[in-house]
Amino acid sequence: MKKPSRPARKAAKPGRKPVMHQSREGVKVRSKRRSGNAPKSSFDLAMERLRATDRESGFEETPLSLAQKREVAEVRRVASSRLAEREILFGDAIRKTHDPAEREKAEREYQIDRQRINDDCERAIEAIRSHTR
């Protein structure tokens, strides 16, 4: 029995040659769209306006160093594990409790704990970011 041959590649459409350009990460990327002619999305336009108002108000955006990025990732990982632990404990408490008043109390405590953990995470990240300024 004979294997079927592979189909031939389609010829490129005239006028649509791939364009090589560098992405933000410095990697060369092929794109069928010409980057100079591409219309900007409403998101891009809004971000440009925000950056312009930041420049006018004197706000200077400084990128995080690699060590700071690692610290932020660690803070988020710890917060995520604390949230997961709290969720497990809450689920266990709900399964054990049949009284509606106790369930409501456990629910309130769970929501407070979640908010506190998220606030702690955001506060720690802001402290890491403020060290760059």
N, C-alpha and C. Protein backbone atom coordinates (compact mmCIF):
# COMPACT_ATOMS: atom_id res chain seq x y z
N MET A 1 0.84 -1.17 0.00
CA MET A 1 0.00 0.00 0.00
C MET A 1 0.89 1.24 0.00
N LYS A 2 0.57 2.19 -0.82
CA LYS A 2 1.36 3.39 -0.98
C LYS A 2 0.88 4.49 -0.07
N LYS A 3 1.82 5.21 0.56
CA LYS A 3 1.46 6.34 1.42
C LYS A 3 1.02 7.52 0.57
N PRO A 4 0.00 8.25 1.06
CA PRO A 4 -0.39 9.45 0.30
C PRO A 4 0.68 10.53 0.44
N SER A 5 0.91 11.23 -0.64
CA SER A 5 1.94 12.28 -0.61
C SER A 5 1.39 13.51 0.10
N ARG A 6 2.32 14.29 0.62
CA ARG A 6 1.93 15.52 1.29
C ARG A 6 1.46 16.54 0.28
N PRO A 7 0.42 17.30 0.65
CA PRO A 7 -0.04 18.32 -0.30
C PRO A 7 0.99 19.44 -0.44
N ALA A 8 1.02 20.03 -1.59
CA ALA A 8 1.97 21.11 -1.85
C ALA A 8 1.58 22.34 -1.03
N ARG A 9 2.57 23.12 -0.67
CA ARG A 9 2.30 24.34 0.06
C ARG A 9 1.60 25.35 -0.83
N LYS A 10 0.72 26.11 -0.20
CA LYS A 10 0.04 27.15 -0.96
C LYS A 10 1.00 28.29 -1.24
N ALA A 11 0.87 28.86 -2.39
CA ALA A 11 1.70 30.00 -2.74
C ALA A 11 1.24 31.22 -1.96
N ALA A 12 2.17 32.06 -1.62
CA ALA A 12 1.84 33.28 -0.88
C ALA A 12 1.02 34.20 -1.77
N LYS A 13 0.08 34.87 -1.16
CA LYS A 13 -0.75 35.81 -1.92
C LYS A 13 0.10 37.03 -2.30
N PRO A 14 -0.10 37.54 -3.48
CA PRO A 14 0.69 38.72 -3.87
C PRO A 14 0.36 39.91 -2.98
N GLY A 15 1.39 40.65 -2.59
CA GLY A 15 1.18 41.83 -1.77
C GLY A 15 1.10 41.56 -0.29
N ARG A 16 1.15 40.31 0.12
CA ARG A 16 1.05 39.98 1.55
C ARG A 16 2.29 39.21 1.99
N LYS A 17 3.43 39.81 1.81
CA LYS A 17 4.68 39.16 2.20
C LYS A 17 4.85 39.27 3.71
N PRO A 18 5.38 38.21 4.33
CA PRO A 18 5.62 38.29 5.77
C PRO A 18 6.64 39.38 6.08
N VAL A 19 6.40 40.10 7.14
CA VAL A 19 7.27 41.19 7.56
C VAL A 19 7.99 40.75 8.83
N MET A 20 9.29 40.96 8.86
CA MET A 20 10.06 40.63 10.06
C MET A 20 10.21 41.88 10.91
N HIS A 21 9.88 41.79 12.19
CA HIS A 21 10.09 42.89 13.11
C HIS A 21 10.39 42.32 14.47
N GLN A 22 10.88 43.17 15.37
CA GLN A 22 11.23 42.70 16.70
C GLN A 22 10.10 43.00 17.66
N SER A 23 9.79 42.01 18.50
CA SER A 23 8.77 42.20 19.52
C SER A 23 9.39 42.91 20.71
N ARG A 24 8.60 43.15 21.75
CA ARG A 24 9.09 43.82 22.96
C ARG A 24 10.22 43.05 23.61
N GLU A 25 10.18 41.73 23.50
CA GLU A 25 11.18 40.90 24.15
C GLU A 25 12.46 40.81 23.33
N GLY A 26 12.49 41.44 22.15
CA GLY A 26 13.67 41.39 21.32
C GLY A 26 13.70 40.20 20.38
N VAL A 27 12.64 39.43 20.32
CA VAL A 27 12.57 38.25 19.47
C VAL A 27 12.05 38.66 18.11
N LYS A 28 12.67 38.14 17.06
CA LYS A 28 12.19 38.45 15.72
C LYS A 28 10.90 37.67 15.47
N VAL A 29 9.92 38.36 14.94
CA VAL A 29 8.60 37.78 14.74
C VAL A 29 8.18 38.01 13.30
N ARG A 30 7.53 37.01 12.72
CA ARG A 30 6.97 37.17 11.39
C ARG A 30 5.52 37.59 11.52
N SER A 31 5.15 38.55 10.73
CA SER A 31 3.78 39.02 10.78
C SER A 31 3.32 39.31 9.37
N LYS A 32 2.12 38.88 9.06
CA LYS A 32 1.55 39.17 7.74
C LYS A 32 1.08 40.61 7.68
N ARG A 33 0.80 41.20 8.83
CA ARG A 33 0.28 42.56 8.89
C ARG A 33 1.45 43.52 8.98
N ARG A 34 1.38 44.58 8.27
CA ARG A 34 2.41 45.61 8.36
C ARG A 34 2.16 46.40 9.64
N SER A 35 3.15 46.42 10.51
CA SER A 35 2.95 47.04 11.82
C SER A 35 2.71 48.54 11.73
N GLY A 36 3.26 49.22 10.75
CA GLY A 36 3.08 50.65 10.63
C GLY A 36 1.68 51.04 10.18
N ASN A 37 1.00 50.18 9.45
CA ASN A 37 -0.31 50.48 8.92
C ASN A 37 -1.45 49.98 9.79
N ALA A 38 -1.13 49.22 10.82
CA ALA A 38 -2.17 48.62 11.65
C ALA A 38 -2.87 49.68 12.48
N PRO A 39 -4.19 49.68 12.50
CA PRO A 39 -4.90 50.66 13.34
C PRO A 39 -4.74 50.30 14.82
N LYS A 40 -4.76 51.32 15.65
CA LYS A 40 -4.63 51.10 17.09
C LYS A 40 -5.99 50.76 17.69
N SER A 41 -5.96 49.88 18.67
CA SER A 41 -7.20 49.52 19.34
C SER A 41 -7.58 50.63 20.32
N SER A 42 -8.80 50.60 20.78
CA SER A 42 -9.24 51.61 21.74
C SER A 42 -8.45 51.48 23.04
N PHE A 43 -8.06 50.27 23.38
CA PHE A 43 -7.24 50.05 24.58
C PHE A 43 -5.90 50.76 24.43
N ASP A 44 -5.24 50.59 23.27
CA ASP A 44 -3.96 51.24 23.04
C ASP A 44 -4.08 52.76 23.11
N LEU A 45 -5.15 53.29 22.52
CA LEU A 45 -5.36 54.74 22.55
C LEU A 45 -5.57 55.24 23.98
N ALA A 46 -6.35 54.50 24.76
CA ALA A 46 -6.59 54.89 26.15
C ALA A 46 -5.30 54.83 26.96
N MET A 47 -4.48 53.81 26.74
CA MET A 47 -3.22 53.70 27.47
C MET A 47 -2.28 54.85 27.10
N GLU A 48 -2.27 55.25 25.83
CA GLU A 48 -1.44 56.39 25.44
C GLU A 48 -1.89 57.66 26.15
N ARG A 49 -3.20 57.86 26.25
CA ARG A 49 -3.71 59.05 26.94
C ARG A 49 -3.32 59.01 28.42
N LEU A 50 -3.42 57.84 29.05
CA LEU A 50 -3.05 57.72 30.46
C LEU A 50 -1.56 58.00 30.67
N ARG A 51 -0.72 57.48 29.78
CA ARG A 51 0.72 57.73 29.89
C ARG A 51 1.02 59.21 29.73
N ALA A 52 0.30 59.87 28.81
CA ALA A 52 0.52 61.30 28.60
C ALA A 52 0.14 62.10 29.84
N THR A 53 -0.99 61.76 30.47
CA THR A 53 -1.38 62.48 31.69
C THR A 53 -0.41 62.18 32.83
N ASP A 54 0.13 60.95 32.88
CA ASP A 54 1.13 60.62 33.90
C ASP A 54 2.38 61.47 33.70
N ARG A 55 2.84 61.60 32.45
CA ARG A 55 4.02 62.41 32.17
C ARG A 55 3.79 63.87 32.56
N GLU A 56 2.59 64.37 32.27
CA GLU A 56 2.28 65.77 32.58
C GLU A 56 2.24 66.01 34.09
N SER A 57 1.77 65.01 34.85
CA SER A 57 1.68 65.18 36.30
C SER A 57 3.00 64.89 37.01
N GLY A 58 4.01 64.44 36.26
CA GLY A 58 5.32 64.20 36.87
C GLY A 58 5.54 62.78 37.34
N PHE A 59 4.60 61.88 37.10
CA PHE A 59 4.75 60.49 37.51
C PHE A 59 5.75 59.82 36.58
N GLU A 60 6.72 59.14 37.18
CA GLU A 60 7.73 58.47 36.38
C GLU A 60 7.62 56.96 36.59
N GLU A 61 7.40 56.24 35.51
CA GLU A 61 7.26 54.79 35.59
C GLU A 61 8.64 54.16 35.51
N THR A 62 8.99 53.38 36.53
CA THR A 62 10.28 52.69 36.53
C THR A 62 10.03 51.19 36.54
N PRO A 63 10.68 50.48 35.66
CA PRO A 63 10.46 49.03 35.61
C PRO A 63 11.06 48.34 36.83
N LEU A 64 10.49 47.20 37.19
CA LEU A 64 11.00 46.44 38.33
C LEU A 64 12.24 45.66 37.92
N SER A 65 13.15 45.51 38.87
CA SER A 65 14.34 44.69 38.61
C SER A 65 13.93 43.22 38.69
N LEU A 66 14.82 42.36 38.24
CA LEU A 66 14.55 40.93 38.28
C LEU A 66 14.33 40.44 39.71
N ALA A 67 15.12 40.95 40.65
CA ALA A 67 14.96 40.55 42.06
C ALA A 67 13.60 40.99 42.60
N GLN A 68 13.17 42.20 42.22
CA GLN A 68 11.86 42.68 42.67
C GLN A 68 10.73 41.86 42.06
N LYS A 69 10.88 41.48 40.80
CA LYS A 69 9.86 40.63 40.16
C LYS A 69 9.76 39.30 40.89
N ARG A 70 10.90 38.77 41.29
CA ARG A 70 10.89 37.51 42.03
C ARG A 70 10.21 37.68 43.39
N GLU A 71 10.48 38.81 44.05
CA GLU A 71 9.85 39.08 45.35
C GLU A 71 8.33 39.18 45.19
N VAL A 72 7.88 39.88 44.16
CA VAL A 72 6.45 40.02 43.91
C VAL A 72 5.82 38.66 43.64
N ALA A 73 6.50 37.84 42.84
CA ALA A 73 6.00 36.49 42.55
C ALA A 73 5.90 35.66 43.83
N GLU A 74 6.89 35.79 44.71
CA GLU A 74 6.88 35.05 45.98
C GLU A 74 5.73 35.51 46.87
N VAL A 75 5.51 36.82 46.93
CA VAL A 75 4.41 37.36 47.75
C VAL A 75 3.07 36.83 47.22
N ARG A 76 2.91 36.83 45.90
CA ARG A 76 1.66 36.33 45.31
C ARG A 76 1.49 34.83 45.55
N ARG A 77 2.59 34.08 45.48
CA ARG A 77 2.52 32.63 45.71
C ARG A 77 2.10 32.34 47.15
N VAL A 78 2.69 33.07 48.09
CA VAL A 78 2.35 32.88 49.51
C VAL A 78 0.88 33.24 49.75
N ALA A 79 0.43 34.36 49.17
CA ALA A 79 -0.96 34.78 49.34
C ALA A 79 -1.91 33.74 48.75
N SER A 80 -1.54 33.21 47.59
CA SER A 80 -2.38 32.19 46.96
C SER A 80 -2.47 30.94 47.83
N SER A 81 -1.36 30.54 48.43
CA SER A 81 -1.39 29.34 49.28
C SER A 81 -2.19 29.61 50.56
N ARG A 82 -2.07 30.83 51.11
CA ARG A 82 -2.87 31.16 52.30
C ARG A 82 -4.36 31.15 51.98
N LEU A 83 -4.73 31.67 50.80
CA LEU A 83 -6.13 31.65 50.39
C LEU A 83 -6.64 30.22 50.21
N ALA A 84 -5.81 29.38 49.60
CA ALA A 84 -6.21 27.99 49.40
C ALA A 84 -6.39 27.28 50.74
N GLU A 85 -5.48 27.53 51.67
CA GLU A 85 -5.59 26.94 53.01
C GLU A 85 -6.88 27.39 53.70
N ARG A 86 -7.16 28.68 53.60
CA ARG A 86 -8.36 29.23 54.24
C ARG A 86 -9.63 28.65 53.60
N GLU A 87 -9.59 28.45 52.29
CA GLU A 87 -10.75 27.87 51.59
C GLU A 87 -11.01 26.43 52.05
N ILE A 88 -9.94 25.68 52.25
CA ILE A 88 -10.08 24.30 52.72
C ILE A 88 -10.67 24.28 54.13
N LEU A 89 -10.15 25.15 55.00
CA LEU A 89 -10.67 25.21 56.36
C LEU A 89 -12.13 25.65 56.39
N PHE A 90 -12.48 26.59 55.53
CA PHE A 90 -13.87 27.05 55.45
C PHE A 90 -14.79 25.92 54.97
N GLY A 91 -14.37 25.20 53.95
CA GLY A 91 -15.18 24.08 53.46
C GLY A 91 -15.38 23.02 54.53
N ASP A 92 -14.35 22.75 55.31
CA ASP A 92 -14.45 21.78 56.40
C ASP A 92 -15.42 22.28 57.47
N ALA A 93 -15.34 23.57 57.80
CA ALA A 93 -16.23 24.13 58.83
C ALA A 93 -17.69 24.10 58.36
N ILE A 94 -17.92 24.37 57.09
CA ILE A 94 -19.29 24.35 56.56
C ILE A 94 -19.87 22.93 56.58
N ARG A 95 -19.04 21.94 56.24
CA ARG A 95 -19.53 20.55 56.24
C ARG A 95 -19.88 20.09 57.66
N LYS A 96 -19.16 20.58 58.65
CA LYS A 96 -19.40 20.16 60.03
C LYS A 96 -20.58 20.89 60.67
N THR A 97 -20.88 22.08 60.17
CA THR A 97 -21.90 22.93 60.80
C THR A 97 -23.23 22.80 60.06
N HIS A 98 -24.30 22.58 60.84
CA HIS A 98 -25.64 22.49 60.24
C HIS A 98 -26.52 23.67 60.66
N ASP A 99 -26.07 24.42 61.65
CA ASP A 99 -26.83 25.57 62.14
C ASP A 99 -26.64 26.75 61.17
N PRO A 100 -27.73 27.32 60.65
CA PRO A 100 -27.61 28.44 59.71
C PRO A 100 -26.88 29.65 60.27
N ALA A 101 -27.06 29.94 61.55
CA ALA A 101 -26.38 31.09 62.16
C ALA A 101 -24.87 30.86 62.20
N GLU A 102 -24.46 29.64 62.52
CA GLU A 102 -23.04 29.31 62.56
C GLU A 102 -22.43 29.34 61.14
N ARG A 103 -23.21 28.87 60.15
CA ARG A 103 -22.74 28.91 58.77
C ARG A 103 -22.54 30.35 58.30
N GLU A 104 -23.48 31.21 58.68
CA GLU A 104 -23.37 32.62 58.30
C GLU A 104 -22.15 33.26 58.95
N LYS A 105 -21.91 32.92 60.21
CA LYS A 105 -20.75 33.44 60.93
C LYS A 105 -19.46 32.96 60.25
N ALA A 106 -19.41 31.68 59.89
CA ALA A 106 -18.23 31.14 59.22
C ALA A 106 -18.02 31.82 57.86
N GLU A 107 -19.11 32.07 57.16
CA GLU A 107 -19.03 32.76 55.86
C GLU A 107 -18.46 34.17 56.02
N ARG A 108 -18.94 34.91 57.02
CA ARG A 108 -18.43 36.27 57.28
C ARG A 108 -16.94 36.23 57.61
N GLU A 109 -16.54 35.30 58.48
CA GLU A 109 -15.13 35.19 58.85
C GLU A 109 -14.27 34.83 57.63
N TYR A 110 -14.78 33.96 56.79
CA TYR A 110 -14.07 33.56 55.58
C TYR A 110 -13.87 34.77 54.66
N GLN A 111 -14.91 35.56 54.45
CA GLN A 111 -14.81 36.74 53.59
C GLN A 111 -13.82 37.76 54.17
N ILE A 112 -13.87 37.94 55.50
CA ILE A 112 -12.94 38.88 56.15
C ILE A 112 -11.50 38.40 55.98
N ASP A 113 -11.28 37.10 56.18
CA ASP A 113 -9.93 36.54 56.03
C ASP A 113 -9.43 36.69 54.59
N ARG A 114 -10.29 36.42 53.62
CA ARG A 114 -9.90 36.58 52.21
C ARG A 114 -9.51 38.03 51.92
N GLN A 115 -10.31 38.96 52.39
CA GLN A 115 -10.02 40.37 52.16
C GLN A 115 -8.71 40.78 52.83
N ARG A 116 -8.49 40.30 54.06
CA ARG A 116 -7.26 40.62 54.78
C ARG A 116 -6.04 40.07 54.05
N ILE A 117 -6.12 38.83 53.57
CA ILE A 117 -5.00 38.22 52.85
C ILE A 117 -4.71 38.99 51.56
N ASN A 118 -5.76 39.35 50.82
CA ASN A 118 -5.57 40.12 49.59
C ASN A 118 -4.99 41.50 49.87
N ASP A 119 -5.46 42.14 50.93
CA ASP A 119 -4.94 43.46 51.31
C ASP A 119 -3.46 43.36 51.71
N ASP A 120 -3.11 42.33 52.48
CA ASP A 120 -1.71 42.13 52.87
C ASP A 120 -0.83 41.92 51.64
N CYS A 121 -1.33 41.15 50.68
CA CYS A 121 -0.58 40.89 49.46
C CYS A 121 -0.36 42.20 48.69
N GLU A 122 -1.41 42.97 48.50
CA GLU A 122 -1.29 44.23 47.76
C GLU A 122 -0.37 45.22 48.49
N ARG A 123 -0.44 45.25 49.81
CA ARG A 123 0.42 46.14 50.59
C ARG A 123 1.89 45.74 50.43
N ALA A 124 2.17 44.44 50.46
CA ALA A 124 3.54 43.97 50.31
C ALA A 124 4.07 44.26 48.90
N ILE A 125 3.24 44.07 47.89
CA ILE A 125 3.66 44.36 46.51
C ILE A 125 3.93 45.85 46.34
N GLU A 126 3.08 46.68 46.91
CA GLU A 126 3.29 48.13 46.81
C GLU A 126 4.58 48.53 47.52
N ALA A 127 4.90 47.88 48.64
CA ALA A 127 6.16 48.17 49.34
C ALA A 127 7.36 47.79 48.48
N ILE A 128 7.27 46.68 47.78
CA ILE A 128 8.35 46.26 46.90
C ILE A 128 8.49 47.26 45.75
N ARG A 129 7.38 47.66 45.17
CA ARG A 129 7.44 48.61 44.06
C ARG A 129 7.92 49.99 44.49
N SER A 130 7.61 50.39 45.71
CA SER A 130 8.01 51.73 46.16
C SER A 130 9.52 51.82 46.40
N HIS A 131 10.19 50.69 46.54
CA HIS A 131 11.65 50.72 46.72
C HIS A 131 12.38 51.13 45.45
N THR A 132 11.70 51.09 44.28
CA THR A 132 12.35 51.47 43.03
C THR A 132 12.35 52.97 42.85
N ARG A 133 11.49 53.68 43.54
CA ARG A 133 11.36 55.14 43.33
C ARG A 133 12.32 55.91 44.18
